[in-house]
Amino acid sequence: MTDLPTTARAVIIGGGIVGCSVAYHLGKLGWSDTVLLERKKLTSGTTFHA
């Protein structure tokens, strides 16, 4: 596990389809100070319903 920053403009909890989409779109808007937290690997809990 890498060290987490002490501050962030946005913290996204969950790296499923929605969390990854939010991170992507924030990046497209110029937000570089964001953190995405995921328990396992990205999209590991994504189901066929998403």
N, C-alpha and C. Protein backbone atom coordinates (compact mmCIF):
# COMPACT_ATOMS: atom_id res chain seq x y z
N MET A 1 0.85 -1.18 0.00
CA MET A 1 0.00 0.00 0.00
C MET A 1 0.89 1.23 0.00
N THR A 2 0.52 2.21 -0.81
CA THR A 2 1.28 3.45 -0.86
C THR A 2 0.78 4.39 0.23
N ASP A 3 1.62 5.35 0.56
CA ASP A 3 1.22 6.34 1.56
C ASP A 3 0.15 7.26 0.98
N LEU A 4 -0.87 7.51 1.77
CA LEU A 4 -1.95 8.40 1.34
C LEU A 4 -1.56 9.84 1.61
N PRO A 5 -1.98 10.76 0.75
CA PRO A 5 -1.71 12.17 1.01
C PRO A 5 -2.51 12.65 2.22
N THR A 6 -2.01 13.70 2.85
CA THR A 6 -2.71 14.24 4.02
C THR A 6 -3.87 15.14 3.63
N THR A 7 -3.86 15.66 2.41
CA THR A 7 -4.96 16.49 1.93
C THR A 7 -5.31 16.09 0.50
N ALA A 8 -6.56 16.33 0.14
CA ALA A 8 -7.01 16.10 -1.23
C ALA A 8 -8.24 16.96 -1.48
N ARG A 9 -8.39 17.39 -2.70
CA ARG A 9 -9.57 18.18 -3.06
C ARG A 9 -10.80 17.30 -3.10
N ALA A 10 -10.63 16.05 -3.53
CA ALA A 10 -11.74 15.10 -3.57
C ALA A 10 -11.22 13.72 -3.19
N VAL A 11 -12.03 12.99 -2.43
CA VAL A 11 -11.73 11.59 -2.10
C VAL A 11 -12.89 10.76 -2.64
N ILE A 12 -12.56 9.83 -3.51
CA ILE A 12 -13.56 8.95 -4.13
C ILE A 12 -13.44 7.59 -3.47
N ILE A 13 -14.52 7.11 -2.90
CA ILE A 13 -14.50 5.82 -2.22
C ILE A 13 -15.15 4.79 -3.13
N GLY A 14 -14.35 3.84 -3.57
CA GLY A 14 -14.84 2.78 -4.45
C GLY A 14 -14.31 2.94 -5.86
N GLY A 15 -13.65 1.90 -6.35
CA GLY A 15 -13.06 1.94 -7.68
C GLY A 15 -13.83 1.14 -8.70
N GLY A 16 -15.14 1.07 -8.51
CA GLY A 16 -15.98 0.40 -9.51
C GLY A 16 -16.20 1.32 -10.70
N ILE A 17 -17.18 0.99 -11.49
CA ILE A 17 -17.44 1.76 -12.71
C ILE A 17 -17.76 3.22 -12.40
N VAL A 18 -18.51 3.48 -11.35
CA VAL A 18 -18.88 4.86 -11.02
C VAL A 18 -17.69 5.62 -10.44
N GLY A 19 -16.97 5.00 -9.51
CA GLY A 19 -15.81 5.67 -8.92
C GLY A 19 -14.74 6.00 -9.95
N CYS A 20 -14.47 5.06 -10.85
CA CYS A 20 -13.48 5.31 -11.91
C CYS A 20 -13.97 6.39 -12.86
N SER A 21 -15.27 6.40 -13.14
CA SER A 21 -15.83 7.43 -14.02
C SER A 21 -15.72 8.81 -13.37
N VAL A 22 -16.02 8.90 -12.09
CA VAL A 22 -15.90 10.18 -11.38
C VAL A 22 -14.45 10.65 -11.41
N ALA A 23 -13.50 9.76 -11.14
CA ALA A 23 -12.09 10.13 -11.17
C ALA A 23 -11.67 10.60 -12.56
N TYR A 24 -12.13 9.91 -13.58
CA TYR A 24 -11.81 10.28 -14.96
C TYR A 24 -12.34 11.68 -15.28
N HIS A 25 -13.61 11.91 -14.96
CA HIS A 25 -14.22 13.19 -15.31
C HIS A 25 -13.65 14.34 -14.49
N LEU A 26 -13.31 14.10 -13.24
CA LEU A 26 -12.65 15.15 -12.46
C LEU A 26 -11.30 15.49 -13.08
N GLY A 27 -10.58 14.47 -13.52
CA GLY A 27 -9.30 14.71 -14.20
C GLY A 27 -9.48 15.52 -15.48
N LYS A 28 -10.53 15.21 -16.25
CA LYS A 28 -10.81 15.97 -17.48
C LYS A 28 -11.13 17.43 -17.17
N LEU A 29 -11.70 17.68 -15.97
CA LEU A 29 -12.01 19.05 -15.56
C LEU A 29 -10.80 19.76 -14.95
N GLY A 30 -9.66 19.07 -14.86
CA GLY A 30 -8.45 19.69 -14.35
C GLY A 30 -8.17 19.43 -12.88
N TRP A 31 -8.97 18.61 -12.24
CA TRP A 31 -8.73 18.29 -10.83
C TRP A 31 -7.59 17.28 -10.75
N SER A 32 -6.45 17.70 -10.25
CA SER A 32 -5.32 16.79 -10.13
C SER A 32 -5.11 16.31 -8.70
N ASP A 33 -5.76 16.95 -7.75
CA ASP A 33 -5.57 16.62 -6.34
C ASP A 33 -6.73 15.75 -5.85
N THR A 34 -6.84 14.54 -6.40
CA THR A 34 -7.90 13.61 -6.02
C THR A 34 -7.30 12.29 -5.57
N VAL A 35 -8.04 11.59 -4.73
CA VAL A 35 -7.62 10.27 -4.25
C VAL A 35 -8.77 9.30 -4.48
N LEU A 36 -8.48 8.15 -5.05
CA LEU A 36 -9.47 7.10 -5.23
C LEU A 36 -9.08 5.94 -4.33
N LEU A 37 -9.98 5.58 -3.41
CA LEU A 37 -9.71 4.49 -2.47
C LEU A 37 -10.47 3.24 -2.90
N GLU A 38 -9.77 2.12 -2.93
CA GLU A 38 -10.39 0.84 -3.29
C GLU A 38 -9.82 -0.23 -2.37
N ARG A 39 -10.67 -1.11 -1.92
CA ARG A 39 -10.26 -2.17 -1.00
C ARG A 39 -9.33 -3.17 -1.66
N LYS A 40 -9.64 -3.57 -2.88
CA LYS A 40 -8.83 -4.54 -3.61
C LYS A 40 -8.29 -3.87 -4.86
N LYS A 41 -8.37 -4.53 -6.00
CA LYS A 41 -7.94 -3.89 -7.24
C LYS A 41 -9.13 -3.19 -7.88
N LEU A 42 -8.85 -2.22 -8.74
CA LEU A 42 -9.91 -1.44 -9.37
C LEU A 42 -10.87 -2.34 -10.12
N THR A 43 -12.12 -2.04 -10.03
CA THR A 43 -13.26 -2.73 -10.66
C THR A 43 -13.40 -4.17 -10.22
N SER A 44 -12.81 -4.56 -9.11
CA SER A 44 -12.89 -5.96 -8.67
C SER A 44 -14.29 -6.36 -8.22
N GLY A 45 -15.11 -5.41 -7.79
CA GLY A 45 -16.46 -5.74 -7.35
C GLY A 45 -17.52 -5.44 -8.39
N THR A 46 -17.12 -5.01 -9.57
CA THR A 46 -18.07 -4.66 -10.62
C THR A 46 -18.79 -5.91 -11.11
N THR A 47 -20.10 -5.79 -11.25
CA THR A 47 -20.90 -6.92 -11.73
C THR A 47 -21.39 -6.63 -13.14
N PHE A 48 -22.03 -7.60 -13.74
CA PHE A 48 -22.57 -7.42 -15.08
C PHE A 48 -23.73 -6.43 -15.10
N HIS A 49 -24.28 -6.09 -13.92
CA HIS A 49 -25.39 -5.14 -13.85
C HIS A 49 -24.92 -3.71 -14.08
N ALA A 50 -23.64 -3.44 -13.84
CA ALA A 50 -23.14 -2.06 -13.93
C ALA A 50 -22.92 -1.63 -15.36
